[in-house]
Amino acid sequence: MTKISNDLSDYSYYLAYIDINGNIFGNATGFLFKKNNTIFLITNVHVLFGKNVNDLSPQPHLVKYGNFKICLRYKKNDGSMELFDIEIDKHRQEYSKLLFPKMLDVFSFSLPSLPKDGQFYYINNDFDLDDGTHSDNLIAYGYPAIDHFKEGDYRYRKCRQSFGIIDGEAKENNRRINTTLYIENGMSGSPVFSASQVSNSEVIKFYGIGDGFAPETKKSIITHLFASSPFKSFFDK
């Protein structure tokens, strides 16, 4: 199962942070899985909960916004863009009980039924999961927060690509990978694909999730979902 590279951005969703006045004050990125007719938003723990997974301390830049909302931007059938409230603010306290320090920075959040007038794409329906043997090049698709200041209207935010390779030793049960991909602020939660040449054809597979940039190593970190239960089970046929 493959898809043309220039359409991979269809699988990356802009997540808008909404304050109590209904204003967008920032963004992150996420993607969708579908299993047994249930739809899941996959993104980082720190995106959904505003907490550092090392010690579950609050992210300082989000504290002042309290129990902020998150809306997923989707394309309507008429081509226009709309925001859909995923209602994480109603469940954040309940789901926070499932968090623990040092956990992987990845979380699946089941969504209410999606708008029927929208175009939605599910990664596990259209791609095979890379087991590590087709990882020549990695591509992340996300929404850098810096663009928020240049493109104030959320409808015109563009998905950007970041290219790189695996770089250095894997850690945490071979699931967290250092990479030369640049996962900028705002691209947290972005889907990461692998691109390889097999028999003179390009093979695209789903690799994992972009966790963010680590200033101390000057590298980005991604979680390889092939080795990460329960996420691997989404791809079981």
C-alpha atoms as a PDB file:
ATOM      1  CA  MET A   1       0.000   0.000   0.000  1.00  0.00           C
ATOM      2  CA  THR A   2       1.607   3.228  -1.115  1.00  0.00           C
ATOM      3  CA  LYS A   3       0.655   6.772  -1.964  1.00  0.00           C
ATOM      4  CA  ILE A   4       2.293   9.393  -4.162  1.00  0.00           C
ATOM      5  CA  SER A   5       4.676  11.462  -2.059  1.00  0.00           C
ATOM      6  CA  ASN A   6       3.172  14.872  -2.840  1.00  0.00           C
ATOM      7  CA  ASP A   7      -0.162  13.705  -1.362  1.00  0.00           C
ATOM      8  CA  LEU A   8       1.270  12.584   1.963  1.00  0.00           C
ATOM      9  CA  SER A   9       0.318  15.927   3.460  1.00  0.00           C
ATOM     10  CA  ASP A  10      -3.322  14.784   3.269  1.00  0.00           C
ATOM     11  CA  TYR A  11      -2.573  12.562   6.267  1.00  0.00           C
ATOM     12  CA  SER A  12      -1.221  15.369   8.436  1.00  0.00           C
ATOM     13  CA  TYR A  13      -3.721  17.446  10.420  1.00  0.00           C
ATOM     14  CA  TYR A  14      -3.287  20.936  11.801  1.00  0.00           C
ATOM     15  CA  LEU A  15      -4.288  21.087  15.481  1.00  0.00           C
ATOM     16  CA  ALA A  16      -5.240  24.553  16.680  1.00  0.00           C
ATOM     17  CA  TYR A  17      -4.906  25.566  20.342  1.00  0.00           C
ATOM     18  CA  ILE A  18      -7.960  27.606  21.344  1.00  0.00           C
ATOM     19  CA  ASP A  19      -8.107  29.879  24.406  1.00  0.00           C
ATOM     20  CA  ILE A  20     -11.199  30.688  26.505  1.00  0.00           C
ATOM     21  CA  ASN A  21     -12.020  33.600  24.176  1.00  0.00           C
ATOM     22  CA  GLY A  22     -12.041  31.392  21.104  1.00  0.00           C
ATOM     23  CA  ASN A  23      -8.721  32.700  19.774  1.00  0.00           C
ATOM     24  CA  ILE A  24      -6.029  30.474  18.253  1.00  0.00           C
ATOM     25  CA  PHE A  25      -2.835  30.968  20.242  1.00  0.00           C
ATOM     26  CA  GLY A  26      -0.690  28.162  18.811  1.00  0.00           C
ATOM     27  CA  ASN A  27      -0.743  24.827  17.079  1.00  0.00           C
ATOM     28  CA  ALA A  28       0.563  21.289  16.882  1.00  0.00           C
ATOM     29  CA  THR A  29       0.140  18.389  14.435  1.00  0.00           C
ATOM     30  CA  GLY A  30      -1.569  15.003  14.482  1.00  0.00           C
ATOM     31  CA  PHE A  31      -2.851  12.190  12.276  1.00  0.00           C
ATOM     32  CA  LEU A  32      -5.729   9.714  12.174  1.00  0.00           C
ATOM     33  CA  PHE A  33      -6.100   5.954  12.569  1.00  0.00           C
ATOM     34  CA  LYS A  34      -9.328   4.016  12.174  1.00  0.00           C
ATOM     35  CA  LYS A  35      -9.998   0.645  13.793  1.00  0.00           C
ATOM     36  CA  ASN A  36     -13.319  -1.198  14.075  1.00  0.00           C
ATOM     37  CA  ASN A  37     -15.185   1.974  13.047  1.00  0.00           C
ATOM     38  CA  THR A  38     -13.561   3.949  15.878  1.00  0.00           C
ATOM     39  CA  ILE A  39     -11.455   6.943  14.861  1.00  0.00           C
ATOM     40  CA  PHE A  40      -8.338   7.868  16.812  1.00  0.00           C
ATOM     41  CA  LEU A  41      -6.275  11.024  16.767  1.00  0.00           C
ATOM     42  CA  ILE A  42      -2.607  10.165  17.270  1.00  0.00           C
ATOM     43  CA  THR A  43      -0.303  12.883  18.553  1.00  0.00           C
ATOM     44  CA  ASN A  44       2.124  13.594  21.391  1.00  0.00           C
ATOM     45  CA  VAL A  45       1.261  13.482  25.081  1.00  0.00           C
ATOM     46  CA  HIS A  46       2.633  16.991  25.473  1.00  0.00           C
ATOM     47  CA  VAL A  47       0.332  18.191  22.678  1.00  0.00           C
ATOM     48  CA  LEU A  48      -2.884  16.869  24.236  1.00  0.00           C
ATOM     49  CA  PHE A  49      -2.086  17.377  27.913  1.00  0.00           C
ATOM     50  CA  GLY A  50       0.490  20.165  27.967  1.00  0.00           C
ATOM     51  CA  LYS A  51       2.749  18.040  30.167  1.00  0.00           C
ATOM     52  CA  ASN A  52       6.377  16.981  29.961  1.00  0.00           C
ATOM     53  CA  VAL A  53       6.523  13.175  29.760  1.00  0.00           C
ATOM     54  CA  ASN A  54       9.752  13.058  31.772  1.00  0.00           C
ATOM     55  CA  ASP A  55       8.084  14.153  35.004  1.00  0.00           C
ATOM     56  CA  LEU A  56       4.533  15.210  33.972  1.00  0.00           C
ATOM     57  CA  SER A  57       5.293  18.807  34.864  1.00  0.00           C
ATOM     58  CA  PRO A  58       3.157  21.380  32.989  1.00  0.00           C
ATOM     59  CA  GLN A  59       4.560  22.909  29.833  1.00  0.00           C
ATOM     60  CA  PRO A  60       5.338  26.494  30.955  1.00  0.00           C
ATOM     61  CA  HIS A  61       4.082  28.193  27.788  1.00  0.00           C
ATOM     62  CA  LEU A  62       0.655  26.525  28.132  1.00  0.00           C
ATOM     63  CA  VAL A  63       0.013  27.054  31.846  1.00  0.00           C
ATOM     64  CA  LYS A  64      -1.585  30.456  31.406  1.00  0.00           C
ATOM     65  CA  TYR A  65      -4.184  29.052  28.999  1.00  0.00           C
ATOM     66  CA  GLY A  66      -5.637  26.612  31.530  1.00  0.00           C
ATOM     67  CA  ASN A  67      -7.881  23.879  30.153  1.00  0.00           C
ATOM     68  CA  PHE A  68      -7.391  24.900  26.530  1.00  0.00           C
ATOM     69  CA  LYS A  69      -9.367  23.412  23.661  1.00  0.00           C
ATOM     70  CA  ILE A  70      -7.844  21.719  20.642  1.00  0.00           C
ATOM     71  CA  CYS A  71      -9.517  21.793  17.238  1.00  0.00           C
ATOM     72  CA  LEU A  72      -8.596  19.681  14.231  1.00  0.00           C
ATOM     73  CA  ARG A  73      -8.632  21.405  10.860  1.00  0.00           C
ATOM     74  CA  TYR A  74     -10.161  19.418   8.017  1.00  0.00           C
ATOM     75  CA  LYS A  75     -10.968  19.972   4.376  1.00  0.00           C
ATOM     76  CA  LYS A  76     -14.654  20.057   3.514  1.00  0.00           C
ATOM     77  CA  ASN A  77     -15.995  18.461   0.367  1.00  0.00           C
ATOM     78  CA  ASP A  78     -16.313  21.914  -1.209  1.00  0.00           C
ATOM     79  CA  GLY A  79     -12.564  22.503  -0.704  1.00  0.00           C
ATOM     80  CA  SER A  80     -12.848  24.996   2.164  1.00  0.00           C
ATOM     81  CA  MET A  81     -11.228  24.479   5.561  1.00  0.00           C
ATOM     82  CA  GLU A  82     -13.045  24.151   8.869  1.00  0.00           C
ATOM     83  CA  LEU A  83     -12.153  23.520  12.524  1.00  0.00           C
ATOM     84  CA  PHE A  84     -13.593  20.591  14.457  1.00  0.00           C
ATOM     85  CA  ASP A  85     -13.471  20.510  18.274  1.00  0.00           C
ATOM     86  CA  ILE A  86     -11.989  17.162  19.377  1.00  0.00           C
ATOM     87  CA  GLU A  87     -13.302  17.853  22.922  1.00  0.00           C
ATOM     88  CA  ILE A  88     -10.077  16.850  24.666  1.00  0.00           C
ATOM     89  CA  ASP A  89     -10.745  19.591  27.232  1.00  0.00           C
ATOM     90  CA  LYS A  90     -13.769  17.578  28.453  1.00  0.00           C
ATOM     91  CA  HIS A  91     -11.662  14.461  28.986  1.00  0.00           C
ATOM     92  CA  ARG A  92      -8.172  15.766  29.767  1.00  0.00           C
ATOM     93  CA  GLN A  93      -8.463  15.224  33.520  1.00  0.00           C
ATOM     94  CA  GLU A  94      -9.861  11.710  33.077  1.00  0.00           C
ATOM     95  CA  TYR A  95      -7.175  10.659  30.589  1.00  0.00           C
ATOM     96  CA  SER A  96      -4.418  12.315  32.629  1.00  0.00           C
ATOM     97  CA  LYS A  97      -4.812   9.467  35.123  1.00  0.00           C
ATOM     98  CA  LEU A  98      -3.377   7.135  32.477  1.00  0.00           C
ATOM     99  CA  LEU A  99      -0.157   9.118  32.140  1.00  0.00           C
ATOM    100  CA  PHE A 100       3.045   8.271  33.952  1.00  0.00           C
ATOM    101  CA  PRO A 101       6.558   9.762  33.939  1.00  0.00           C
ATOM    102  CA  LYS A 102       9.024   8.509  31.337  1.00  0.00           C
ATOM    103  CA  MET A 103       6.256   7.179  29.075  1.00  0.00           C
ATOM    104  CA  LEU A 104       6.599   7.455  25.330  1.00  0.00           C
ATOM    105  CA  ASP A 105       5.479  10.844  24.071  1.00  0.00           C
ATOM    106  CA  VAL A 106       2.603   9.391  22.049  1.00  0.00           C
ATOM    107  CA  PHE A 107      -1.103   9.069  22.825  1.00  0.00           C
ATOM    108  CA  SER A 108      -4.177   7.827  20.938  1.00  0.00           C
ATOM    109  CA  PHE A 109      -7.357   9.752  21.659  1.00  0.00           C
ATOM    110  CA  SER A 110     -10.689   8.385  20.410  1.00  0.00           C
ATOM    111  CA  LEU A 111     -12.753  11.034  18.658  1.00  0.00           C
ATOM    112  CA  PRO A 112     -16.474  11.655  18.501  1.00  0.00           C
ATOM    113  CA  SER A 113     -17.942  11.093  15.051  1.00  0.00           C
ATOM    114  CA  LEU A 114     -16.232  13.303  12.482  1.00  0.00           C
ATOM    115  CA  PRO A 115     -18.124  15.840  10.366  1.00  0.00           C
ATOM    116  CA  LYS A 116     -19.854  14.142   7.459  1.00  0.00           C
ATOM    117  CA  ASP A 117     -18.988  16.989   5.094  1.00  0.00           C
ATOM    118  CA  GLY A 118     -15.232  16.417   5.471  1.00  0.00           C
ATOM    119  CA  GLN A 119     -12.435  14.551   3.717  1.00  0.00           C
ATOM    120  CA  PHE A 120     -10.524  12.349   6.168  1.00  0.00           C
ATOM    121  CA  TYR A 121      -7.575  10.036   5.588  1.00  0.00           C
ATOM    122  CA  TYR A 122      -6.468   7.193   7.850  1.00  0.00           C
ATOM    123  CA  ILE A 123      -2.833   6.165   7.790  1.00  0.00           C
ATOM    124  CA  ASN A 124      -3.339   2.555   8.834  1.00  0.00           C
ATOM    125  CA  ASN A 125      -5.877   2.053   6.024  1.00  0.00           C
ATOM    126  CA  ASP A 126      -3.498   3.177   3.280  1.00  0.00           C
ATOM    127  CA  PHE A 127       0.039   2.304   4.387  1.00  0.00           C
ATOM    128  CA  ASP A 128       2.037  -0.623   5.629  1.00  0.00           C
ATOM    129  CA  LEU A 129       4.050  -0.124   8.799  1.00  0.00           C
ATOM    130  CA  ASP A 130       7.803   0.122   8.332  1.00  0.00           C
ATOM    131  CA  ASP A 131       9.541  -2.591  10.347  1.00  0.00           C
ATOM    132  CA  GLY A 132      12.903  -0.871  10.045  1.00  0.00           C
ATOM    133  CA  THR A 133      13.995  -2.492   6.788  1.00  0.00           C
ATOM    134  CA  HIS A 134      12.683   0.301   4.543  1.00  0.00           C
ATOM    135  CA  SER A 135      14.037   3.333   6.327  1.00  0.00           C
ATOM    136  CA  ASP A 136      16.478   4.841   3.818  1.00  0.00           C
ATOM    137  CA  ASN A 137      14.916   8.285   4.009  1.00  0.00           C
ATOM    138  CA  LEU A 138      12.427   9.739   6.455  1.00  0.00           C
ATOM    139  CA  ILE A 139       9.855  12.434   5.730  1.00  0.00           C
ATOM    140  CA  ALA A 140       7.828  14.302   8.357  1.00  0.00           C
ATOM    141  CA  TYR A 141       4.748  16.365   7.514  1.00  0.00           C
ATOM    142  CA  GLY A 142       3.695  19.029   9.989  1.00  0.00           C
ATOM    143  CA  TYR A 143       2.781  22.643  10.705  1.00  0.00           C
ATOM    144  CA  PRO A 144       5.633  24.758  12.122  1.00  0.00           C
ATOM    145  CA  ALA A 145       4.317  27.199  14.712  1.00  0.00           C
ATOM    146  CA  ILE A 146       6.424  30.018  13.327  1.00  0.00           C
ATOM    147  CA  ASP A 147       4.105  30.066  10.309  1.00  0.00           C
ATOM    148  CA  HIS A 148       1.290  31.073  12.655  1.00  0.00           C
ATOM    149  CA  PHE A 149       2.728  34.597  12.744  1.00  0.00           C
ATOM    150  CA  LYS A 150       3.038  34.791   8.960  1.00  0.00           C
ATOM    151  CA  GLU A 151      -0.274  33.152   8.103  1.00  0.00           C
ATOM    152  CA  GLY A 152      -2.665  34.402  10.753  1.00  0.00           C
ATOM    153  CA  ASP A 153      -5.721  32.845   9.128  1.00  0.00           C
ATOM    154  CA  TYR A 154      -5.737  29.158  10.065  1.00  0.00           C
ATOM    155  CA  ARG A 155      -7.441  28.285   6.776  1.00  0.00           C
ATOM    156  CA  TYR A 156      -4.299  29.065   4.826  1.00  0.00           C
ATOM    157  CA  ARG A 157      -1.746  27.265   6.958  1.00  0.00           C
ATOM    158  CA  LYS A 158       0.443  25.019   4.796  1.00  0.00           C
ATOM    159  CA  CYS A 159       1.758  21.594   5.696  1.00  0.00           C
ATOM    160  CA  ARG A 160       5.550  21.502   5.427  1.00  0.00           C
ATOM    161  CA  GLN A 161       7.932  18.639   4.747  1.00  0.00           C
ATOM    162  CA  SER A 162      11.090  17.798   6.671  1.00  0.00           C
ATOM    163  CA  PHE A 163      13.566  15.253   5.300  1.00  0.00           C
ATOM    164  CA  GLY A 164      16.225  13.269   7.155  1.00  0.00           C
ATOM    165  CA  ILE A 165      17.662   9.925   8.123  1.00  0.00           C
ATOM    166  CA  ILE A 166      18.024   7.852  11.282  1.00  0.00           C
ATOM    167  CA  ASP A 167      21.047   9.134  13.178  1.00  0.00           C
ATOM    168  CA  GLY A 168      22.562   7.484  16.235  1.00  0.00           C
ATOM    169  CA  GLU A 169      21.480   4.789  18.627  1.00  0.00           C
ATOM    170  CA  ALA A 170      17.864   3.950  19.353  1.00  0.00           C
ATOM    171  CA  LYS A 171      16.737   4.082  22.972  1.00  0.00           C
ATOM    172  CA  GLU A 172      13.777   3.110  25.167  1.00  0.00           C
ATOM    173  CA  ASN A 173      13.374  -0.437  23.829  1.00  0.00           C
ATOM    174  CA  ASN A 174      14.463   0.642  20.348  1.00  0.00           C
ATOM    175  CA  ARG A 175      11.399   2.842  19.987  1.00  0.00           C
ATOM    176  CA  ARG A 176      12.740   6.394  20.217  1.00  0.00           C
ATOM    177  CA  ILE A 177      15.045   7.235  17.353  1.00  0.00           C
ATOM    178  CA  ASN A 178      17.407  10.156  16.839  1.00  0.00           C
ATOM    179  CA  THR A 179      17.035  11.658  13.395  1.00  0.00           C
ATOM    180  CA  THR A 180      18.329  14.504  11.271  1.00  0.00           C
ATOM    181  CA  LEU A 181      14.693  15.449  10.573  1.00  0.00           C
ATOM    182  CA  TYR A 182      13.981  18.889  11.972  1.00  0.00           C
ATOM    183  CA  ILE A 183      10.789  18.555  14.012  1.00  0.00           C
ATOM    184  CA  GLU A 184      10.121  22.244  14.627  1.00  0.00           C
ATOM    185  CA  ASN A 185       7.871  23.688  17.318  1.00  0.00           C
ATOM    186  CA  GLY A 186       4.342  23.079  16.029  1.00  0.00           C
ATOM    187  CA  MET A 187       5.339  19.908  14.174  1.00  0.00           C
ATOM    188  CA  SER A 188       5.067  17.834  17.349  1.00  0.00           C
ATOM    189  CA  GLY A 189       2.795  14.907  16.588  1.00  0.00           C
ATOM    190  CA  SER A 190       3.576  14.894  12.874  1.00  0.00           C
ATOM    191  CA  PRO A 191       3.381  11.619  10.913  1.00  0.00           C
ATOM    192  CA  VAL A 192       6.738  10.304   9.719  1.00  0.00           C
ATOM    193  CA  PHE A 193       7.021   8.193   6.578  1.00  0.00           C
ATOM    194  CA  SER A 194       9.899   6.206   5.110  1.00  0.00           C
ATOM    195  CA  ALA A 195      10.769   6.317   1.423  1.00  0.00           C
ATOM    196  CA  SER A 196      12.892   3.616  -0.194  1.00  0.00           C
ATOM    197  CA  GLN A 197      13.740   2.368  -3.646  1.00  0.00           C
ATOM    198  CA  VAL A 198      12.733  -1.270  -4.118  1.00  0.00           C
ATOM    199  CA  SER A 199      13.113  -2.816  -7.581  1.00  0.00           C
ATOM    200  CA  ASN A 200      13.347   0.662  -9.134  1.00  0.00           C
ATOM    201  CA  SER A 201      10.084   1.724  -7.516  1.00  0.00           C
ATOM    202  CA  GLU A 202       9.535   4.103  -4.620  1.00  0.00           C
ATOM    203  CA  VAL A 203       7.965   2.426  -1.623  1.00  0.00           C
ATOM    204  CA  ILE A 204       6.328   4.646   0.988  1.00  0.00           C
ATOM    205  CA  LYS A 205       5.609   3.219   4.434  1.00  0.00           C
ATOM    206  CA  PHE A 206       4.495   4.713   7.712  1.00  0.00           C
ATOM    207  CA  TYR A 207       7.320   4.920  10.242  1.00  0.00           C
ATOM    208  CA  GLY A 208       6.185   6.770  13.352  1.00  0.00           C
ATOM    209  CA  ILE A 209       5.556  10.082  15.041  1.00  0.00           C
ATOM    210  CA  GLY A 210       7.689  13.197  15.374  1.00  0.00           C
ATOM    211  CA  ASP A 211       8.212  13.980  19.077  1.00  0.00           C
ATOM    212  CA  GLY A 212      10.148  17.226  18.744  1.00  0.00           C
ATOM    213  CA  PHE A 213      13.613  18.759  18.678  1.00  0.00           C
ATOM    214  CA  ALA A 214      16.096  18.054  21.470  1.00  0.00           C
ATOM    215  CA  PRO A 215      18.316  21.151  21.931  1.00  0.00           C
ATOM    216  CA  GLU A 216      20.868  19.241  23.995  1.00  0.00           C
ATOM    217  CA  THR A 217      21.658  16.852  21.129  1.00  0.00           C
ATOM    218  CA  LYS A 218      20.700  19.202  18.284  1.00  0.00           C
ATOM    219  CA  LYS A 219      18.705  16.330  16.813  1.00  0.00           C
ATOM    220  CA  SER A 220      15.034  15.521  16.588  1.00  0.00           C
ATOM    221  CA  ILE A 221      13.383  12.488  18.159  1.00  0.00           C
ATOM    222  CA  ILE A 222      10.773  10.262  16.574  1.00  0.00           C
ATOM    223  CA  THR A 223       8.978   7.245  17.999  1.00  0.00           C
ATOM    224  CA  HIS A 224       9.057   4.183  15.770  1.00  0.00           C
ATOM    225  CA  LEU A 225       5.561   2.724  16.106  1.00  0.00           C
ATOM    226  CA  PHE A 226       6.441  -0.715  14.773  1.00  0.00           C
ATOM    227  CA  ALA A 227       7.811  -1.667  18.179  1.00  0.00           C
ATOM    228  CA  SER A 228       5.228   0.244  20.187  1.00  0.00           C
ATOM    229  CA  SER A 229       2.114  -1.511  21.420  1.00  0.00           C
ATOM    230  CA  PRO A 230      -0.780  -0.883  21.177  1.00  0.00           C
ATOM    231  CA  PHE A 231      -0.106   1.227  18.090  1.00  0.00           C
ATOM    232  CA  LYS A 232       1.292  -1.665  16.064  1.00  0.00           C
ATOM    233  CA  SER A 233      -2.054  -3.429  16.467  1.00  0.00           C
ATOM    234  CA  PHE A 234      -3.751  -0.727  14.403  1.00  0.00           C
ATOM    235  CA  PHE A 235      -2.004  -2.210  11.368  1.00  0.00           C
ATOM    236  CA  ASP A 236      -3.018  -5.825  12.003  1.00  0.00           C
ATOM    237  CA  LYS A 237      -5.098  -7.048   9.098  1.00  0.00           C
END
